[in-house]
Amino acid sequence: MYAAVRRYEGVTDAAEAARLVNEGFVPLMRQVSGFVAYYWIDAGDGVMVSTSVFRDQAGVDESISRAAHFVRDSLASLLPHPPQIMAGEVVASA
């Protein structure tokens, strides 16, 4: 398995961002080949974190691309700063 974690800082409206992600982005993630799971986390203090899990690296790469397009097209006013992105192979899980 592979995962991508994206950390967004300076989120201007966490509730609205969550609504838009749930309604618009989650369905996009489910369409990516190898999809396992997706989580959108409100970490507080204007920080939100997404975690995408896929069976292979290609799925992670596609999720990063789709996230960039979705943020640009639908969330730019709510997520004003580019995310910190970390991705790689899952080497332990429970």
N, C-alpha and C. Protein backbone atom coordinates (compact mmCIF):
# COMPACT_ATOMS: atom_id res chain seq x y z
N MET A 1 0.84 -1.19 0.00
CA MET A 1 0.00 0.00 0.00
C MET A 1 0.88 1.24 0.00
N TYR A 2 0.29 2.32 -0.50
CA TYR A 2 0.97 3.61 -0.56
C TYR A 2 0.01 4.68 -0.05
N ALA A 3 0.56 5.75 0.50
CA ALA A 3 -0.27 6.81 1.04
C ALA A 3 0.31 8.18 0.71
N ALA A 4 -0.59 9.14 0.63
CA ALA A 4 -0.21 10.54 0.48
C ALA A 4 -0.87 11.32 1.60
N VAL A 5 -0.09 12.20 2.22
CA VAL A 5 -0.60 13.06 3.28
C VAL A 5 -0.37 14.50 2.84
N ARG A 6 -1.44 15.29 2.88
CA ARG A 6 -1.35 16.70 2.50
C ARG A 6 -1.80 17.55 3.69
N ARG A 7 -0.96 18.48 4.10
CA ARG A 7 -1.26 19.36 5.24
C ARG A 7 -1.51 20.77 4.71
N TYR A 8 -2.69 21.30 5.02
CA TYR A 8 -3.09 22.64 4.60
C TYR A 8 -3.13 23.55 5.82
N GLU A 9 -2.47 24.70 5.74
CA GLU A 9 -2.47 25.67 6.83
C GLU A 9 -3.19 26.93 6.37
N GLY A 10 -3.73 27.69 7.32
CA GLY A 10 -4.42 28.93 7.01
C GLY A 10 -5.81 28.73 6.45
N VAL A 11 -6.43 27.60 6.76
CA VAL A 11 -7.78 27.30 6.27
C VAL A 11 -8.74 28.35 6.83
N THR A 12 -9.50 28.98 5.94
CA THR A 12 -10.36 30.09 6.36
C THR A 12 -11.73 29.66 6.86
N ASP A 13 -12.23 28.49 6.45
CA ASP A 13 -13.54 28.00 6.88
C ASP A 13 -13.51 26.48 6.84
N ALA A 14 -13.19 25.86 7.97
CA ALA A 14 -13.01 24.41 8.04
C ALA A 14 -14.29 23.66 7.70
N ALA A 15 -15.42 24.15 8.18
CA ALA A 15 -16.69 23.46 7.93
C ALA A 15 -17.04 23.46 6.44
N GLU A 16 -16.86 24.59 5.79
CA GLU A 16 -17.15 24.67 4.36
C GLU A 16 -16.16 23.84 3.56
N ALA A 17 -14.91 23.86 3.93
CA ALA A 17 -13.91 23.03 3.26
C ALA A 17 -14.28 21.56 3.39
N ALA A 18 -14.69 21.14 4.58
CA ALA A 18 -15.09 19.75 4.80
C ALA A 18 -16.29 19.38 3.94
N ARG A 19 -17.25 20.28 3.84
CA ARG A 19 -18.44 20.01 3.03
C ARG A 19 -18.06 19.82 1.57
N LEU A 20 -17.24 20.72 1.05
CA LEU A 20 -16.85 20.65 -0.35
C LEU A 20 -16.00 19.41 -0.65
N VAL A 21 -15.11 19.08 0.27
CA VAL A 21 -14.29 17.88 0.09
C VAL A 21 -15.18 16.64 0.11
N ASN A 22 -16.09 16.58 1.05
CA ASN A 22 -16.97 15.41 1.16
C ASN A 22 -17.85 15.25 -0.07
N GLU A 23 -18.40 16.35 -0.55
CA GLU A 23 -19.32 16.29 -1.68
C GLU A 23 -18.63 16.19 -3.03
N GLY A 24 -17.45 16.82 -3.17
CA GLY A 24 -16.81 16.89 -4.47
C GLY A 24 -15.55 16.08 -4.64
N PHE A 25 -14.70 16.06 -3.61
CA PHE A 25 -13.41 15.41 -3.77
C PHE A 25 -13.45 13.92 -3.44
N VAL A 26 -14.18 13.55 -2.41
CA VAL A 26 -14.25 12.13 -2.04
C VAL A 26 -14.72 11.27 -3.22
N PRO A 27 -15.76 11.68 -3.96
CA PRO A 27 -16.15 10.88 -5.12
C PRO A 27 -15.03 10.76 -6.17
N LEU A 28 -14.21 11.80 -6.33
CA LEU A 28 -13.08 11.72 -7.26
C LEU A 28 -12.05 10.70 -6.80
N MET A 29 -11.80 10.64 -5.50
CA MET A 29 -10.82 9.68 -4.97
C MET A 29 -11.30 8.25 -5.18
N ARG A 30 -12.58 8.03 -5.00
CA ARG A 30 -13.12 6.68 -5.15
C ARG A 30 -12.98 6.16 -6.58
N GLN A 31 -12.84 7.06 -7.54
CA GLN A 31 -12.70 6.67 -8.94
C GLN A 31 -11.27 6.28 -9.30
N VAL A 32 -10.30 6.63 -8.48
CA VAL A 32 -8.89 6.35 -8.79
C VAL A 32 -8.62 4.86 -8.59
N SER A 33 -7.97 4.26 -9.58
CA SER A 33 -7.62 2.85 -9.52
C SER A 33 -6.78 2.56 -8.28
N GLY A 34 -7.11 1.49 -7.58
CA GLY A 34 -6.36 1.09 -6.39
C GLY A 34 -6.77 1.79 -5.12
N PHE A 35 -7.87 2.55 -5.15
CA PHE A 35 -8.34 3.29 -3.96
C PHE A 35 -8.58 2.34 -2.79
N VAL A 36 -8.09 2.73 -1.62
CA VAL A 36 -8.33 1.99 -0.38
C VAL A 36 -9.11 2.85 0.61
N ALA A 37 -8.64 4.07 0.88
CA ALA A 37 -9.30 4.91 1.88
C ALA A 37 -8.90 6.37 1.68
N TYR A 38 -9.75 7.26 2.18
CA TYR A 38 -9.46 8.69 2.17
C TYR A 38 -9.99 9.29 3.47
N TYR A 39 -9.21 10.18 4.08
CA TYR A 39 -9.59 10.86 5.31
C TYR A 39 -9.29 12.35 5.19
N TRP A 40 -10.20 13.18 5.67
CA TRP A 40 -10.02 14.64 5.73
C TRP A 40 -10.14 15.00 7.20
N ILE A 41 -9.09 15.55 7.77
CA ILE A 41 -9.01 15.75 9.22
C ILE A 41 -8.91 17.23 9.54
N ASP A 42 -9.75 17.68 10.47
CA ASP A 42 -9.66 19.04 10.99
C ASP A 42 -8.76 18.99 12.21
N ALA A 43 -7.53 19.46 12.06
CA ALA A 43 -6.55 19.42 13.14
C ALA A 43 -6.64 20.64 14.05
N GLY A 44 -7.55 21.58 13.73
CA GLY A 44 -7.71 22.78 14.54
C GLY A 44 -6.73 23.87 14.17
N ASP A 45 -7.00 25.05 14.65
CA ASP A 45 -6.13 26.20 14.43
C ASP A 45 -5.84 26.47 12.94
N GLY A 46 -6.86 26.25 12.09
CA GLY A 46 -6.70 26.54 10.67
C GLY A 46 -5.87 25.52 9.91
N VAL A 47 -5.71 24.33 10.49
CA VAL A 47 -4.94 23.27 9.83
C VAL A 47 -5.88 22.11 9.51
N MET A 48 -5.81 21.66 8.26
CA MET A 48 -6.54 20.47 7.84
C MET A 48 -5.56 19.55 7.13
N VAL A 49 -5.79 18.25 7.30
CA VAL A 49 -4.88 17.25 6.76
C VAL A 49 -5.69 16.20 6.02
N SER A 50 -5.23 15.83 4.83
CA SER A 50 -5.87 14.74 4.11
C SER A 50 -4.90 13.58 4.01
N THR A 51 -5.46 12.37 4.06
CA THR A 51 -4.68 11.16 3.89
C THR A 51 -5.39 10.29 2.86
N SER A 52 -4.66 9.94 1.82
CA SER A 52 -5.18 9.07 0.76
C SER A 52 -4.37 7.79 0.76
N VAL A 53 -5.06 6.64 0.72
CA VAL A 53 -4.38 5.35 0.73
C VAL A 53 -4.78 4.58 -0.53
N PHE A 54 -3.77 4.02 -1.20
CA PHE A 54 -3.98 3.27 -2.44
C PHE A 54 -3.15 2.01 -2.43
N ARG A 55 -3.52 1.08 -3.30
CA ARG A 55 -2.77 -0.17 -3.40
C ARG A 55 -1.42 0.01 -4.07
N ASP A 56 -1.25 1.08 -4.86
CA ASP A 56 0.02 1.24 -5.58
C ASP A 56 0.40 2.72 -5.69
N GLN A 57 1.64 2.95 -6.08
CA GLN A 57 2.17 4.29 -6.22
C GLN A 57 1.41 5.10 -7.26
N ALA A 58 0.96 4.45 -8.32
CA ALA A 58 0.23 5.17 -9.38
C ALA A 58 -1.03 5.82 -8.82
N GLY A 59 -1.73 5.15 -7.91
CA GLY A 59 -2.92 5.72 -7.30
C GLY A 59 -2.59 6.95 -6.47
N VAL A 60 -1.50 6.88 -5.72
CA VAL A 60 -1.06 8.03 -4.92
C VAL A 60 -0.73 9.20 -5.83
N ASP A 61 0.00 8.93 -6.89
CA ASP A 61 0.37 10.00 -7.83
C ASP A 61 -0.87 10.65 -8.42
N GLU A 62 -1.84 9.83 -8.80
CA GLU A 62 -3.09 10.36 -9.36
C GLU A 62 -3.84 11.18 -8.31
N SER A 63 -3.84 10.74 -7.06
CA SER A 63 -4.55 11.47 -6.00
C SER A 63 -3.92 12.84 -5.78
N ILE A 64 -2.60 12.93 -5.84
CA ILE A 64 -1.92 14.21 -5.66
C ILE A 64 -2.30 15.16 -6.79
N SER A 65 -2.34 14.65 -8.00
CA SER A 65 -2.72 15.48 -9.15
C SER A 65 -4.16 15.94 -9.04
N ARG A 66 -5.06 15.02 -8.71
CA ARG A 66 -6.48 15.39 -8.59
C ARG A 66 -6.70 16.38 -7.46
N ALA A 67 -5.97 16.21 -6.36
CA ALA A 67 -6.10 17.14 -5.23
C ALA A 67 -5.69 18.54 -5.65
N ALA A 68 -4.59 18.66 -6.37
CA ALA A 68 -4.12 19.98 -6.81
C ALA A 68 -5.16 20.66 -7.69
N HIS A 69 -5.75 19.91 -8.61
CA HIS A 69 -6.77 20.49 -9.48
C HIS A 69 -8.03 20.85 -8.71
N PHE A 70 -8.44 19.99 -7.79
CA PHE A 70 -9.67 20.26 -7.02
C PHE A 70 -9.49 21.49 -6.14
N VAL A 71 -8.35 21.60 -5.48
CA VAL A 71 -8.10 22.78 -4.64
C VAL A 71 -8.10 24.04 -5.50
N ARG A 72 -7.42 24.00 -6.61
CA ARG A 72 -7.36 25.17 -7.50
C ARG A 72 -8.76 25.56 -7.99
N ASP A 73 -9.56 24.58 -8.36
CA ASP A 73 -10.87 24.86 -8.96
C ASP A 73 -11.99 25.10 -7.95
N SER A 74 -11.88 24.52 -6.75
CA SER A 74 -13.01 24.56 -5.83
C SER A 74 -12.72 25.06 -4.42
N LEU A 75 -11.46 25.08 -4.03
CA LEU A 75 -11.14 25.40 -2.62
C LEU A 75 -10.13 26.53 -2.45
N ALA A 76 -9.73 27.17 -3.52
CA ALA A 76 -8.65 28.15 -3.44
C ALA A 76 -8.90 29.24 -2.40
N SER A 77 -10.13 29.70 -2.28
CA SER A 77 -10.42 30.76 -1.31
C SER A 77 -10.40 30.26 0.13
N LEU A 78 -10.59 28.95 0.32
CA LEU A 78 -10.62 28.39 1.67
C LEU A 78 -9.26 27.83 2.11
N LEU A 79 -8.45 27.43 1.13
CA LEU A 79 -7.13 26.87 1.39
C LEU A 79 -6.11 27.75 0.67
N PRO A 80 -5.77 28.90 1.27
CA PRO A 80 -4.97 29.90 0.56
C PRO A 80 -3.50 29.57 0.37
N HIS A 81 -2.98 28.57 1.09
CA HIS A 81 -1.56 28.24 1.00
C HIS A 81 -1.37 26.87 0.37
N PRO A 82 -0.31 26.68 -0.39
CA PRO A 82 -0.06 25.35 -0.96
C PRO A 82 0.18 24.35 0.16
N PRO A 83 -0.22 23.11 -0.05
CA PRO A 83 -0.05 22.11 1.01
C PRO A 83 1.38 21.60 1.11
N GLN A 84 1.68 21.08 2.27
CA GLN A 84 2.90 20.28 2.45
C GLN A 84 2.49 18.86 2.08
N ILE A 85 3.19 18.25 1.15
CA ILE A 85 2.81 16.91 0.67
C ILE A 85 3.90 15.92 1.02
N MET A 86 3.47 14.81 1.61
CA MET A 86 4.35 13.69 1.89
C MET A 86 3.70 12.45 1.30
N ALA A 87 4.46 11.60 0.66
CA ALA A 87 3.90 10.39 0.06
C ALA A 87 4.95 9.28 0.10
N GLY A 88 4.46 8.05 0.18
CA GLY A 88 5.38 6.92 0.16
C GLY A 88 4.69 5.62 0.45
N GLU A 89 5.50 4.60 0.56
CA GLU A 89 4.99 3.27 0.82
C GLU A 89 4.60 3.13 2.29
N VAL A 90 3.48 2.50 2.54
CA VAL A 90 3.06 2.20 3.91
C VAL A 90 3.87 0.99 4.36
N VAL A 91 4.66 1.17 5.41
CA VAL A 91 5.54 0.08 5.86
C VAL A 91 5.07 -0.55 7.17
N ALA A 92 4.02 -0.02 7.77
CA ALA A 92 3.41 -0.62 8.95
C ALA A 92 1.97 -0.14 9.02
N SER A 93 1.07 -1.01 9.43
CA SER A 93 -0.33 -0.62 9.57
C SER A 93 -1.01 -1.53 10.56
N ALA A 94 -2.20 -1.11 11.00
CA ALA A 94 -2.97 -1.93 11.94
C ALA A 94 -4.41 -1.95 11.49
